[in-house]
PDB file of N, CA and C in Angstrom:
ATOM      1  N   MET A   1     114.026 120.358  80.444  1.00  0.00           N
ATOM      2  CA  MET A   1     114.741 119.780  81.549  1.00  0.00           C
ATOM      3  C   MET A   1     114.909 118.296  81.297  1.00  0.00           C
ATOM      4  N   LYS A   2     116.075 117.786  81.540  1.00  0.00           N
ATOM      5  CA  LYS A   2     116.334 116.358  81.381  1.00  0.00           C
ATOM      6  C   LYS A   2     116.558 115.748  82.748  1.00  0.00           C
ATOM      7  N   LEU A   3     115.887 114.649  82.995  1.00  0.00           N
ATOM      8  CA  LEU A   3     116.054 113.928  84.246  1.00  0.00           C
ATOM      9  C   LEU A   3     116.873 112.676  83.989  1.00  0.00           C
ATOM     10  N   PRO A   4     117.648 112.246  84.967  1.00  0.00           N
ATOM     11  CA  PRO A   4     118.377 110.987  84.811  1.00  0.00           C
ATOM     12  C   PRO A   4     117.400 109.815  84.808  1.00  0.00           C
ATOM     13  N   ALA A   5     117.876 108.642  84.452  1.00  0.00           N
ATOM     14  CA  ALA A   5     117.015 107.458  84.396  1.00  0.00           C
ATOM     15  C   ALA A   5     116.530 107.037  85.776  1.00  0.00           C
ATOM     16  N   GLU A   6     117.256 107.393  86.826  1.00  0.00           N
ATOM     17  CA  GLU A   6     116.850 107.046  88.180  1.00  0.00           C
ATOM     18  C   GLU A   6     116.501 108.316  88.943  1.00  0.00           C
ATOM     19  N   GLY A   7     115.385 108.284  89.625  1.00  0.00           N
ATOM     20  CA  GLY A   7     114.957 109.411  90.443  1.00  0.00           C
ATOM     21  C   GLY A   7     114.231 108.897  91.660  1.00  0.00           C
ATOM     22  N   VAL A   8     113.481 109.775  92.289  1.00  0.00           N
ATOM     23  CA  VAL A   8     112.673 109.367  93.429  1.00  0.00           C
ATOM     24  C   VAL A   8     111.257 109.884  93.250  1.00  0.00           C
ATOM     25  N   LEU A   9     110.318 109.143  93.819  1.00  0.00           N
ATOM     26  CA  LEU A   9     108.902 109.505  93.807  1.00  0.00           C
ATOM     27  C   LEU A   9     108.519 109.900  95.222  1.00  0.00           C
ATOM     28  N   LEU A  10     108.092 111.134  95.376  1.00  0.00           N
ATOM     29  CA  LEU A  10     107.622 111.650  96.654  1.00  0.00           C
ATOM     30  C   LEU A  10     106.102 111.652  96.617  1.00  0.00           C
ATOM     31  N   ARG A  11     105.484 111.046  97.630  1.00  0.00           N
ATOM     32  CA  ARG A  11     104.025 111.056  97.740  1.00  0.00           C
ATOM     33  C   ARG A  11     103.655 111.693  99.065  1.00  0.00           C
ATOM     34  N   ILE A  12     102.742 112.645  98.997  1.00  0.00           N
ATOM     35  CA  ILE A  12     102.274 113.338 100.184  1.00  0.00           C
ATOM     36  C   ILE A  12     100.769 113.103 100.281  1.00  0.00           C
ATOM     37  N   PHE A  13     100.342 112.430 101.330  1.00  0.00           N
ATOM     38  CA  PHE A  13      98.933 112.126 101.559  1.00  0.00           C
ATOM     39  C   PHE A  13      98.399 113.104 102.599  1.00  0.00           C
ATOM     40  N   VAL A  14      97.455 113.934 102.209  1.00  0.00           N
ATOM     41  CA  VAL A  14      96.835 114.904 103.116  1.00  0.00           C
ATOM     42  C   VAL A  14      95.333 114.910 102.875  1.00  0.00           C
ATOM     43  N   GLY A  15      94.626 115.716 103.642  1.00  0.00           N
ATOM     44  CA  GLY A  15      93.194 115.870 103.447  1.00  0.00           C
ATOM     45  C   GLY A  15      92.910 117.072 102.562  1.00  0.00           C
ATOM     46  N   GLU A  16      91.849 116.981 101.805  1.00  0.00           N
ATOM     47  CA  GLU A  16      91.457 118.061 100.910  1.00  0.00           C
ATOM     48  C   GLU A  16      91.204 119.358 101.677  1.00  0.00           C
ATOM     49  N   ALA A  17      90.747 119.264 102.916  1.00  0.00           N
ATOM     50  CA  ALA A  17      90.430 120.447 103.715  1.00  0.00           C
ATOM     51  C   ALA A  17      91.643 121.015 104.458  1.00  0.00           C
ATOM     52  N   ASP A  18      92.783 120.325 104.425  1.00  0.00           N
ATOM     53  CA  ASP A  18      93.968 120.821 105.121  1.00  0.00           C
ATOM     54  C   ASP A  18      94.418 122.146 104.516  1.00  0.00           C
ATOM     55  N   GLN A  19      94.765 123.084 105.391  1.00  0.00           N
ATOM     56  CA  GLN A  19      95.114 124.438 104.960  1.00  0.00           C
ATOM     57  C   GLN A  19      96.521 124.818 105.422  1.00  0.00           C
ATOM     58  N   TYR A  20      97.120 125.741 104.689  1.00  0.00           N
ATOM     59  CA  TYR A  20      98.363 126.381 105.098  1.00  0.00           C
ATOM     60  C   TYR A  20      98.276 127.837 104.655  1.00  0.00           C
ATOM     61  N   GLN A  21      98.373 128.730 105.598  1.00  0.00           N
ATOM     62  CA  GLN A  21      98.259 130.167 105.354  1.00  0.00           C
ATOM     63  C   GLN A  21      96.979 130.520 104.583  1.00  0.00           C
ATOM     64  N   GLY A  22      95.870 129.882 104.988  1.00  0.00           N
ATOM     65  CA  GLY A  22      94.565 130.203 104.429  1.00  0.00           C
ATOM     66  C   GLY A  22      94.266 129.640 103.050  1.00  0.00           C
ATOM     67  N   LYS A  23      95.141 128.798 102.524  1.00  0.00           N
ATOM     68  CA  LYS A  23      94.928 128.185 101.203  1.00  0.00           C
ATOM     69  C   LYS A  23      95.056 126.673 101.341  1.00  0.00           C
ATOM     70  N   PRO A  24      94.494 125.920 100.381  1.00  0.00           N
ATOM     71  CA  PRO A  24      94.613 124.459 100.453  1.00  0.00           C
ATOM     72  C   PRO A  24      96.082 124.027 100.513  1.00  0.00           C
ATOM     73  N   LEU A  25      96.385 123.112 101.428  1.00  0.00           N
ATOM     74  CA  LEU A  25      97.759 122.647 101.608  1.00  0.00           C
ATOM     75  C   LEU A  25      98.315 122.034 100.329  1.00  0.00           C
ATOM     76  N   TYR A  26      97.506 121.214  99.639  1.00  0.00           N
ATOM     77  CA  TYR A  26      98.002 120.580  98.415  1.00  0.00           C
ATOM     78  C   TYR A  26      98.418 121.628  97.388  1.00  0.00           C
ATOM     79  N   GLU A  27      97.665 122.726  97.312  1.00  0.00           N
ATOM     80  CA  GLU A  27      98.002 123.811  96.384  1.00  0.00           C
ATOM     81  C   GLU A  27      99.311 124.485  96.786  1.00  0.00           C
ATOM     82  N   GLN A  28      99.489 124.713  98.062  1.00  0.00           N
ATOM     83  CA  GLN A  28     100.712 125.350  98.556  1.00  0.00           C
ATOM     84  C   GLN A  28     101.930 124.457  98.294  1.00  0.00           C
ATOM     85  N   ILE A  29     101.759 123.142  98.413  1.00  0.00           N
ATOM     86  CA  ILE A  29     102.860 122.212  98.133  1.00  0.00           C
ATOM     87  C   ILE A  29     103.260 122.286  96.666  1.00  0.00           C
ATOM     88  N   VAL A  30     102.270 122.284  95.773  1.00  0.00           N
ATOM     89  CA  VAL A  30     102.558 122.364  94.332  1.00  0.00           C
ATOM     90  C   VAL A  30     103.255 123.686  94.003  1.00  0.00           C
ATOM     91  N   LEU A  31     102.779 124.785  94.564  1.00  0.00           N
ATOM     92  CA  LEU A  31     103.396 126.084  94.298  1.00  0.00           C
ATOM     93  C   LEU A  31     104.831 126.140  94.816  1.00  0.00           C
ATOM     94  N   LYS A  32     105.083 125.538  95.980  1.00  0.00           N
ATOM     95  CA  LYS A  32     106.447 125.505  96.520  1.00  0.00           C
ATOM     96  C   LYS A  32     107.351 124.640  95.646  1.00  0.00           C
ATOM     97  N   ALA A  33     106.830 123.509  95.168  1.00  0.00           N
ATOM     98  CA  ALA A  33     107.610 122.642  94.276  1.00  0.00           C
ATOM     99  C   ALA A  33     107.983 123.392  92.995  1.00  0.00           C
ATOM    100  N   ARG A  34     107.047 124.156  92.475  1.00  0.00           N
ATOM    101  CA  ARG A  34     107.315 124.953  91.270  1.00  0.00           C
ATOM    102  C   ARG A  34     108.353 126.032  91.553  1.00  0.00           C
ATOM    103  N   GLU A  35     108.216 126.693  92.695  1.00  0.00           N
ATOM    104  CA  GLU A  35     109.174 127.731  93.100  1.00  0.00           C
ATOM    105  C   GLU A  35     110.595 127.161  93.201  1.00  0.00           C
ATOM    106  N   LEU A  36     110.702 125.911  93.648  1.00  0.00           N
ATOM    107  CA  LEU A  36     112.010 125.255  93.795  1.00  0.00           C
ATOM    108  C   LEU A  36     112.499 124.617  92.498  1.00  0.00           C
ATOM    109  N   ASN A  37     111.749 124.804  91.415  1.00  0.00           N
ATOM    110  CA  ASN A  37     112.104 124.272  90.089  1.00  0.00           C
ATOM    111  C   ASN A  37     112.148 122.753  90.033  1.00  0.00           C
ATOM    112  N   LEU A  38     111.242 122.102  90.767  1.00  0.00           N
ATOM    113  CA  LEU A  38     111.142 120.662  90.652  1.00  0.00           C
ATOM    114  C   LEU A  38     110.526 120.313  89.299  1.00  0.00           C
ATOM    115  N   ALA A  39     110.694 119.087  88.867  1.00  0.00           N
ATOM    116  CA  ALA A  39     110.287 118.683  87.520  1.00  0.00           C
ATOM    117  C   ALA A  39     108.795 118.807  87.273  1.00  0.00           C
ATOM    118  N   GLY A  40     107.977 118.601  88.293  1.00  0.00           N
ATOM    119  CA  GLY A  40     106.531 118.690  88.131  1.00  0.00           C
ATOM    120  C   GLY A  40     105.832 118.081  89.325  1.00  0.00           C
ATOM    121  N   ALA A  41     104.545 118.307  89.414  1.00  0.00           N
ATOM    122  CA  ALA A  41     103.746 117.772  90.515  1.00  0.00           C
ATOM    123  C   ALA A  41     102.344 117.482  90.011  1.00  0.00           C
ATOM    124  N   THR A  42     101.732 116.461  90.581  1.00  0.00           N
ATOM    125  CA  THR A  42     100.361 116.103  90.244  1.00  0.00           C
ATOM    126  C   THR A  42      99.573 115.916  91.531  1.00  0.00           C
ATOM    127  N   VAL A  43      98.360 116.451  91.556  1.00  0.00           N
ATOM    128  CA  VAL A  43      97.471 116.279  92.698  1.00  0.00           C
ATOM    129  C   VAL A  43      96.365 115.308  92.283  1.00  0.00           C
ATOM    130  N   ILE A  44      96.182 114.280  93.091  1.00  0.00           N
ATOM    131  CA  ILE A  44      95.171 113.257  92.826  1.00  0.00           C
ATOM    132  C   ILE A  44      94.175 113.272  93.979  1.00  0.00           C
ATOM    133  N   ARG A  45      92.904 113.368  93.651  1.00  0.00           N
ATOM    134  CA  ARG A  45      91.851 113.397  94.660  1.00  0.00           C
ATOM    135  C   ARG A  45      91.278 111.994  94.810  1.00  0.00           C
ATOM    136  N   GLY A  46      91.294 111.490  96.022  1.00  0.00           N
ATOM    137  CA  GLY A  46      90.769 110.160  96.292  1.00  0.00           C
ATOM    138  C   GLY A  46      89.268 110.181  96.507  1.00  0.00           C
ATOM    139  N   ILE A  47      88.638 109.038  96.307  1.00  0.00           N
ATOM    140  CA  ILE A  47      87.196 108.949  96.538  1.00  0.00           C
ATOM    141  C   ILE A  47      86.877 108.314  97.876  1.00  0.00           C
ATOM    142  N   MET A  48      87.905 107.683  98.486  1.00  0.00           N
ATOM    143  CA  MET A  48      87.689 107.084  99.791  1.00  0.00           C
ATOM    144  C   MET A  48      89.032 106.777 100.427  1.00  0.00           C
ATOM    145  N   GLY A  49      89.088 106.864 101.748  1.00  0.00           N
ATOM    146  CA  GLY A  49      90.311 106.526 102.447  1.00  0.00           C
ATOM    147  C   GLY A  49      90.189 106.747 103.940  1.00  0.00           C
ATOM    148  N   PHE A  50      91.246 106.359 104.666  1.00  0.00           N
ATOM    149  CA  PHE A  50      91.346 106.660 106.093  1.00  0.00           C
ATOM    150  C   PHE A  50      92.817 106.759 106.423  1.00  0.00           C
ATOM    151  N   GLY A  51      93.104 107.422 107.525  1.00  0.00           N
ATOM    152  CA  GLY A  51      94.483 107.621 107.929  1.00  0.00           C
ATOM    153  C   GLY A  51      94.716 107.155 109.350  1.00  0.00           C
ATOM    154  N   ALA A  52      95.686 107.789 110.005  1.00  0.00           N
ATOM    155  CA  ALA A  52      96.113 107.379 111.341  1.00  0.00           C
ATOM    156  C   ALA A  52      94.974 107.412 112.353  1.00  0.00           C
ATOM    157  N   ALA A  53      94.018 108.315 112.195  1.00  0.00           N
ATOM    158  CA  ALA A  53      92.896 108.413 113.131  1.00  0.00           C
ATOM    159  C   ALA A  53      91.793 107.391 112.823  1.00  0.00           C
ATOM    160  N   SER A  54      91.944 106.626 111.743  1.00  0.00           N
ATOM    161  CA  SER A  54      90.983 105.603 111.308  1.00  0.00           C
ATOM    162  C   SER A  54      89.604 106.157 110.977  1.00  0.00           C
ATOM    163  N   ARG A  55      89.504 107.448 110.722  1.00  0.00           N
ATOM    164  CA  ARG A  55      88.238 108.075 110.332  1.00  0.00           C
ATOM    165  C   ARG A  55      88.067 107.906 108.823  1.00  0.00           C
ATOM    166  N   ILE A  56      86.925 107.361 108.387  1.00  0.00           N
ATOM    167  CA  ILE A  56      86.662 107.139 106.966  1.00  0.00           C
ATOM    168  C   ILE A  56      86.296 108.462 106.291  1.00  0.00           C
ATOM    169  N   HIS A  57      86.907 108.705 105.153  1.00  0.00           N
ATOM    170  CA  HIS A  57      86.581 109.849 104.298  1.00  0.00           C
ATOM    171  C   HIS A  57      86.091 109.259 102.984  1.00  0.00           C
ATOM    172  N   THR A  58      84.909 109.662 102.543  1.00  0.00           N
ATOM    173  CA  THR A  58      84.352 109.064 101.333  1.00  0.00           C
ATOM    174  C   THR A  58      83.541 110.077 100.537  1.00  0.00           C
ATOM    175  N   ALA A  59      83.430 109.825  99.246  1.00  0.00           N
ATOM    176  CA  ALA A  59      82.626 110.666  98.365  1.00  0.00           C
ATOM    177  C   ALA A  59      81.261 110.028  98.097  1.00  0.00           C
ATOM    178  N   LYS A  60      80.919 108.974  98.835  1.00  0.00           N
ATOM    179  CA  LYS A  60      79.620 108.326  98.642  1.00  0.00           C
ATOM    180  C   LYS A  60      78.499 109.317  98.909  1.00  0.00           C
ATOM    181  N   TRP A  61      77.436 109.171  98.177  1.00  0.00           N
ATOM    182  CA  TRP A  61      76.326 110.117  98.218  1.00  0.00           C
ATOM    183  C   TRP A  61      75.778 110.326  99.626  1.00  0.00           C
ATOM    184  N   LEU A  62      75.560 109.258 100.372  1.00  0.00           N
ATOM    185  CA  LEU A  62      74.963 109.395 101.699  1.00  0.00           C
ATOM    186  C   LEU A  62      75.950 109.822 102.781  1.00  0.00           C
ATOM    187  N   ARG A  63      77.233 109.737 102.501  1.00  0.00           N
ATOM    188  CA  ARG A  63      78.243 110.092 103.491  1.00  0.00           C
ATOM    189  C   ARG A  63      79.231 111.071 102.873  1.00  0.00           C
ATOM    190  N   LEU A  64      78.729 112.120 102.297  1.00  0.00           N
ATOM    191  CA  LEU A  64      79.577 113.080 101.594  1.00  0.00           C
ATOM    192  C   LEU A  64      80.581 113.717 102.545  1.00  0.00           C
ATOM    193  N   SER A  65      81.835 113.525 102.278  1.00  0.00           N
ATOM    194  CA  SER A  65      82.902 114.081 103.107  1.00  0.00           C
ATOM    195  C   SER A  65      83.417 115.365 102.476  1.00  0.00           C
ATOM    196  N   GLU A  66      83.713 116.315 103.319  1.00  0.00           N
ATOM    197  CA  GLU A  66      84.310 117.551 102.828  1.00  0.00           C
ATOM    198  C   GLU A  66      85.818 117.517 102.988  1.00  0.00           C
ATOM    199  N   ASP A  67      86.353 116.361 103.366  1.00  0.00           N
ATOM    200  CA  ASP A  67      87.787 116.225 103.567  1.00  0.00           C
ATOM    201  C   ASP A  67      88.277 114.941 102.918  1.00  0.00           C
ATOM    202  N   LEU A  68      88.111 114.855 101.595  1.00  0.00           N
ATOM    203  CA  LEU A  68      88.538 113.666 100.869  1.00  0.00           C
ATOM    204  C   LEU A  68      90.056 113.567 100.859  1.00  0.00           C
ATOM    205  N   PRO A  69      90.578 112.350 100.688  1.00  0.00           N
ATOM    206  CA  PRO A  69      92.024 112.193 100.621  1.00  0.00           C
ATOM    207  C   PRO A  69      92.589 112.846  99.356  1.00  0.00           C
ATOM    208  N   VAL A  70      93.751 113.438  99.491  1.00  0.00           N
ATOM    209  CA  VAL A  70      94.453 114.051  98.365  1.00  0.00           C
ATOM    210  C   VAL A  70      95.897 113.561  98.402  1.00  0.00           C
ATOM    211  N   ILE A  71      96.415 113.198  97.243  1.00  0.00           N
ATOM    212  CA  ILE A  71      97.806 112.764  97.133  1.00  0.00           C
ATOM    213  C   ILE A  71      98.516 113.718  96.182  1.00  0.00           C
ATOM    214  N   VAL A  72      99.648 114.241  96.625  1.00  0.00           N
ATOM    215  CA  VAL A  72     100.503 115.043  95.748  1.00  0.00           C
ATOM    216  C   VAL A  72     101.690 114.154  95.400  1.00  0.00           C
ATOM    217  N   GLU A  73     101.909 113.949  94.097  1.00  0.00           N
ATOM    218  CA  GLU A  73     103.038 113.135  93.646  1.00  0.00           C
ATOM    219  C   GLU A  73     104.032 114.015  92.906  1.00  0.00           C
ATOM    220  N   ILE A  74     105.308 113.819  93.241  1.00  0.00           N
ATOM    221  CA  ILE A  74     106.385 114.570  92.603  1.00  0.00           C
ATOM    222  C   ILE A  74     107.517 113.593  92.309  1.00  0.00           C
ATOM    223  N   VAL A  75     108.011 113.597  91.073  1.00  0.00           N
ATOM    224  CA  VAL A  75     109.158 112.776  90.692  1.00  0.00           C
ATOM    225  C   VAL A  75     110.278 113.706  90.278  1.00  0.00           C
ATOM    226  N   ASP A  76     111.450 113.511  90.854  1.00  0.00           N
ATOM    227  CA  ASP A  76     112.627 114.311  90.503  1.00  0.00           C
ATOM    228  C   ASP A  76     113.843 113.593  91.059  1.00  0.00           C
ATOM    229  N   THR A  77     114.984 114.237  91.012  1.00  0.00           N
ATOM    230  CA  THR A  77     116.173 113.659  91.610  1.00  0.00           C
ATOM    231  C   THR A  77     116.071 113.770  93.129  1.00  0.00           C
ATOM    232  N   GLU A  78     116.792 112.930  93.825  1.00  0.00           N
ATOM    233  CA  GLU A  78     116.768 112.972  95.286  1.00  0.00           C
ATOM    234  C   GLU A  78     117.239 114.330  95.792  1.00  0.00           C
ATOM    235  N   GLU A  79     118.227 114.892  95.146  1.00  0.00           N
ATOM    236  CA  GLU A  79     118.754 116.209  95.534  1.00  0.00           C
ATOM    237  C   GLU A  79     117.673 117.290  95.450  1.00  0.00           C
ATOM    238  N   MET A  80     116.888 117.265  94.382  1.00  0.00           N
ATOM    239  CA  MET A  80     115.828 118.268  94.219  1.00  0.00           C
ATOM    240  C   MET A  80     114.688 118.035  95.219  1.00  0.00           C
ATOM    241  N   ILE A  81     114.316 116.789  95.429  1.00  0.00           N
ATOM    242  CA  ILE A  81     113.251 116.470  96.379  1.00  0.00           C
ATOM    243  C   ILE A  81     113.656 116.907  97.791  1.00  0.00           C
ATOM    244  N   ASP A  82     114.932 116.723  98.121  1.00  0.00           N
ATOM    245  CA  ASP A  82     115.413 117.111  99.453  1.00  0.00           C
ATOM    246  C   ASP A  82     115.201 118.597  99.738  1.00  0.00           C
ATOM    247  N   LYS A  83     115.153 119.429  98.715  1.00  0.00           N
ATOM    248  CA  LYS A  83     114.921 120.862  98.901  1.00  0.00           C
ATOM    249  C   LYS A  83     113.505 121.151  99.399  1.00  0.00           C
ATOM    250  N   LEU A  84     112.566 120.260  99.086  1.00  0.00           N
ATOM    251  CA  LEU A  84     111.169 120.449  99.463  1.00  0.00           C
ATOM    252  C   LEU A  84     110.859 119.920 100.870  1.00  0.00           C
ATOM    253  N   LEU A  85     111.650 119.000 101.368  1.00  0.00           N
ATOM    254  CA  LEU A  85     111.341 118.327 102.628  1.00  0.00           C
ATOM    255  C   LEU A  85     111.209 119.267 103.835  1.00  0.00           C
ATOM    256  N   PRO A  86     112.042 120.295 103.997  1.00  0.00           N
ATOM    257  CA  PRO A  86     111.830 121.200 105.139  1.00  0.00           C
ATOM    258  C   PRO A  86     110.471 121.906 105.100  1.00  0.00           C
ATOM    259  N   PHE A  87     110.018 122.281 103.907  1.00  0.00           N
ATOM    260  CA  PHE A  87     108.699 122.902 103.765  1.00  0.00           C
ATOM    261  C   PHE A  87     107.608 121.925 104.184  1.00  0.00           C
ATOM    262  N   LEU A  88     107.733 120.667 103.774  1.00  0.00           N
ATOM    263  CA  LEU A  88     106.741 119.657 104.134  1.00  0.00           C
ATOM    264  C   LEU A  88     106.736 119.404 105.634  1.00  0.00           C
ATOM    265  N   ASP A  89     107.920 119.390 106.238  1.00  0.00           N
ATOM    266  CA  ASP A  89     108.019 119.188 107.679  1.00  0.00           C
ATOM    267  C   ASP A  89     107.287 120.297 108.429  1.00  0.00           C
ATOM    268  N   GLU A  90     107.355 121.492 107.912  1.00  0.00           N
ATOM    269  CA  GLU A  90     106.695 122.651 108.526  1.00  0.00           C
ATOM    270  C   GLU A  90     105.179 122.645 108.304  1.00  0.00           C
ATOM    271  N   THR A  91     104.728 122.220 107.144  1.00  0.00           N
ATOM    272  CA  THR A  91     103.334 122.425 106.752  1.00  0.00           C
ATOM    273  C   THR A  91     102.418 121.220 106.919  1.00  0.00           C
ATOM    274  N   VAL A  92     102.933 120.019 106.806  1.00  0.00           N
ATOM    275  CA  VAL A  92     102.088 118.822 106.889  1.00  0.00           C
ATOM    276  C   VAL A  92     101.961 118.418 108.357  1.00  0.00           C
ATOM    277  N   LYS A  93     100.857 118.803 108.972  1.00  0.00           N
ATOM    278  CA  LYS A  93     100.617 118.517 110.391  1.00  0.00           C
ATOM    279  C   LYS A  93      99.988 117.140 110.580  1.00  0.00           C
ATOM    280  N   GLU A  94      99.161 116.715 109.634  1.00  0.00           N
ATOM    281  CA  GLU A  94      98.546 115.391 109.642  1.00  0.00           C
ATOM    282  C   GLU A  94      98.692 114.820 108.252  1.00  0.00           C
ATOM    283  N   GLY A  95      99.026 113.556 108.163  1.00  0.00           N
ATOM    284  CA  GLY A  95      99.150 112.934 106.848  1.00  0.00           C
ATOM    285  C   GLY A  95     100.281 111.935 106.820  1.00  0.00           C
ATOM    286  N   LEU A  96     100.694 111.603 105.625  1.00  0.00           N
ATOM    287  CA  LEU A  96     101.747 110.617 105.414  1.00  0.00           C
ATOM    288  C   LEU A  96     102.600 111.097 104.254  1.00  0.00           C
ATOM    289  N   ILE A  97     103.909 110.948 104.393  1.00  0.00           N
ATOM    290  CA  ILE A  97     104.837 111.303 103.317  1.00  0.00           C
ATOM    291  C   ILE A  97     105.709 110.083 103.057  1.00  0.00           C
ATOM    292  N   THR A  98     105.776 109.654 101.790  1.00  0.00           N
ATOM    293  CA  THR A  98     106.610 108.504 101.436  1.00  0.00           C
ATOM    294  C   THR A  98     107.577 108.903 100.335  1.00  0.00           C
ATOM    295  N   LEU A  99     108.652 108.154 100.256  1.00  0.00           N
ATOM    296  CA  LEU A  99     109.684 108.386  99.247  1.00  0.00           C
ATOM    297  C   LEU A  99     110.155 107.022  98.764  1.00  0.00           C
ATOM    298  N   GLU A 100     110.196 106.845  97.447  1.00  0.00           N
ATOM    299  CA  GLU A 100     110.670 105.581  96.888  1.00  0.00           C
ATOM    300  C   GLU A 100     111.437 105.833  95.600  1.00  0.00           C
ATOM    301  N   ARG A 101     112.237 104.871  95.247  1.00  0.00           N
ATOM    302  CA  ARG A 101     112.988 104.967  93.994  1.00  0.00           C
ATOM    303  C   ARG A 101     112.026 104.914  92.808  1.00  0.00           C
ATOM    304  N   ALA A 102     112.363 105.654  91.758  1.00  0.00           N
ATOM    305  CA  ALA A 102     111.543 105.647  90.546  1.00  0.00           C
ATOM    306  C   ALA A 102     112.456 105.516  89.338  1.00  0.00           C
ATOM    307  N   ARG A 103     112.086 104.643  88.439  1.00  0.00           N
ATOM    308  CA  ARG A 103     112.798 104.521  87.160  1.00  0.00           C
ATOM    309  C   ARG A 103     112.070 105.404  86.160  1.00  0.00           C
ATOM    310  N   ILE A 104     112.749 106.429  85.682  1.00  0.00           N
ATOM    311  CA  ILE A 104     112.130 107.401  84.788  1.00  0.00           C
ATOM    312  C   ILE A 104     112.290 106.921  83.346  1.00  0.00           C
ATOM    313  N   ILE A 105     111.183 106.702  82.683  1.00  0.00           N
ATOM    314  CA  ILE A 105     111.183 106.213  81.309  1.00  0.00           C
ATOM    315  C   ILE A 105     111.212 107.377  80.320  1.00  0.00           C
ATOM    316  N   LYS A 106     110.378 108.372  80.566  1.00  0.00           N
ATOM    317  CA  LYS A 106     110.304 109.506  79.647  1.00  0.00           C
ATOM    318  C   LYS A 106     109.837 110.735  80.403  1.00  0.00           C
ATOM    319  N   TYR A 107     110.441 111.884  80.101  1.00  0.00           N
ATOM    320  CA  TYR A 107     110.020 113.166  80.669  1.00  0.00           C
ATOM    321  C   TYR A 107     110.246 114.215  79.591  1.00  0.00           C
ATOM    322  N   ARG A 108     109.187 114.561  78.888  1.00  0.00           N
ATOM    323  CA  ARG A 108     109.288 115.492  77.760  1.00  0.00           C
ATOM    324  C   ARG A 108     108.037 116.337  77.669  1.00  0.00           C
ATOM    325  N   HIS A 109     108.170 117.417  76.925  1.00  0.00           N
ATOM    326  CA  HIS A 109     106.998 118.207  76.562  1.00  0.00           C
ATOM    327  C   HIS A 109     107.228 118.766  75.169  1.00  0.00           C
ATOM    328  N   GLU A 110     106.141 119.050  74.502  1.00  0.00           N
ATOM    329  CA  GLU A 110     106.191 119.623  73.154  1.00  0.00           C
ATOM    330  C   GLU A 110     106.316 121.134  73.281  1.00  0.00           C
ATOM    331  N   PRO A 111     107.215 121.738  72.511  1.00  0.00           N
ATOM    332  CA  PRO A 111     107.287 123.199  72.531  1.00  0.00           C
ATOM    333  C   PRO A 111     105.966 123.801  72.042  1.00  0.00           C
ATOM    334  N   ARG A 112     105.540 124.874  72.667  1.00  0.00           N
ATOM    335  CA  ARG A 112     104.281 125.519  72.285  1.00  0.00           C
ATOM    336  C   ARG A 112     104.563 126.879  71.702  1.00  0.00           C
ATOM    337  N   ASP A 113     103.745 127.240  70.705  1.00  0.00           N
ATOM    338  CA  ASP A 113     103.833 128.597  70.150  1.00  0.00           C
ATOM    339  C   ASP A 113     103.157 129.545  71.111  1.00  0.00           C
ATOM    340  N   VAL A 114     103.785 130.672  71.337  1.00  0.00           N
ATOM    341  CA  VAL A 114     103.210 131.691  72.210  1.00  0.00           C
ATOM    342  C   VAL A 114     102.603 132.770  71.335  1.00  0.00           C
ATOM    343  N   ASP A 115     101.303 133.036  71.537  1.00  0.00           N
ATOM    344  CA  ASP A 115     100.613 134.059  70.738  1.00  0.00           C
ATOM    345  C   ASP A 115     100.811 135.427  71.310  1.00  0.00           C
TER     346      ASP A 115
END
């Protein structure tokens, strides 16, 4: 897949414990992005953060949180990202979603031999 030099970066900030249909929300977002043939997605687990409720979530030993911050990042064309937005509107009940311009430098993969 070839991407143009200009795209958009979608960031979805949710909690690790957030669920959709009995599965982790971040996982469901990645699977939906794949189903829609988006270029790719990455899930990043935070070690500390807070959101609109100002509740601290941390991985510190004495304050072990079971709901650490999670960020799903997806870079693609605006047209492709727009296909995912209705799903996010339905599934993200708490969190933050941002969209910004991204200059794409390289998007490649090495062909792999299939055994």
